[in-house]
Amino acid sequence: MREILGRRRGLLSRRNDGRPEVIGAALTFATLWQWPVLPGVGTRPRGAGCSCPDPDCGVPGAHPFEPGLLAATTDERMVRWWWSNRPQAPVILATGGAAPCAVSLPALPAARALTALDRAGIRLGPVIATPERWALLVAPYSFERLGELLYAKDHVPGSLRFHGEGGYLALPPSGTGVGQVRWERAPLPGSARPWVPDVEAVVDGVVDALIRAEVNAPEL
């Protein structure tokens, strides 16, 4: 029991200099929630771009590199070793399998989508946010299942992204090249493993919010 409580406290712990204790969060995700994680590539000193070789990296700091995505694990010893050597490395979730998947969209229409889903009485799970995009965590889905959902739509905006099997997502409290990753909707306190909805519950809301955003701001 003490060990479990210690891991839960680790999710919110901070260093003496005020920076989040990333290792505590990584251990909570991996060992308590059984979400496979690995360290992200991170950014160059003073946040000057991604540490990977791609000068035009679209997700600076917030993706796997070395180790690669297939190294994601729930093993406590491996997680401790990684973040003991790289204490501020972003925490990357390998989506799919037994882990949650996600749908993500730009921040402003995402906020509108959450409001609409709340009004419709849709129960939501955790929502991850960066200054640019929000991601709604959902239960694992197959691309075949997702394709059937999207095929029924007249239009699916290109700014909607899907993080399914073989994908990844940066988790709080990671620091990335696009800003700090945080919880917009945090997991309920005390839950051993956060509940997430099926993807069917949220697709209509996020697609509708993005279509309205396109009408009002075509440059999105």
Foldseek 3Di string as FASTA:
>chain_A
DVVLVQLLVLCQDADPVGHRQVLSVLLLCQALAVFFKDFFQAADPPLPFAPDPDRPDPWRQKAHDVVHPVPTHSDSVVSCVRCVVVRQTWIKTQAEDQHWKKKKAFDPLVVVLVVVLVVVVQDFWWWKDFNTMIIGTAHADDVVVVVVVCVPDPDADPRMDIAHHRGMGTAPQHAGSRGGMDIPGDADPPDSHIDGHHPVSRPVSSRVSVVVVCVVPVVD
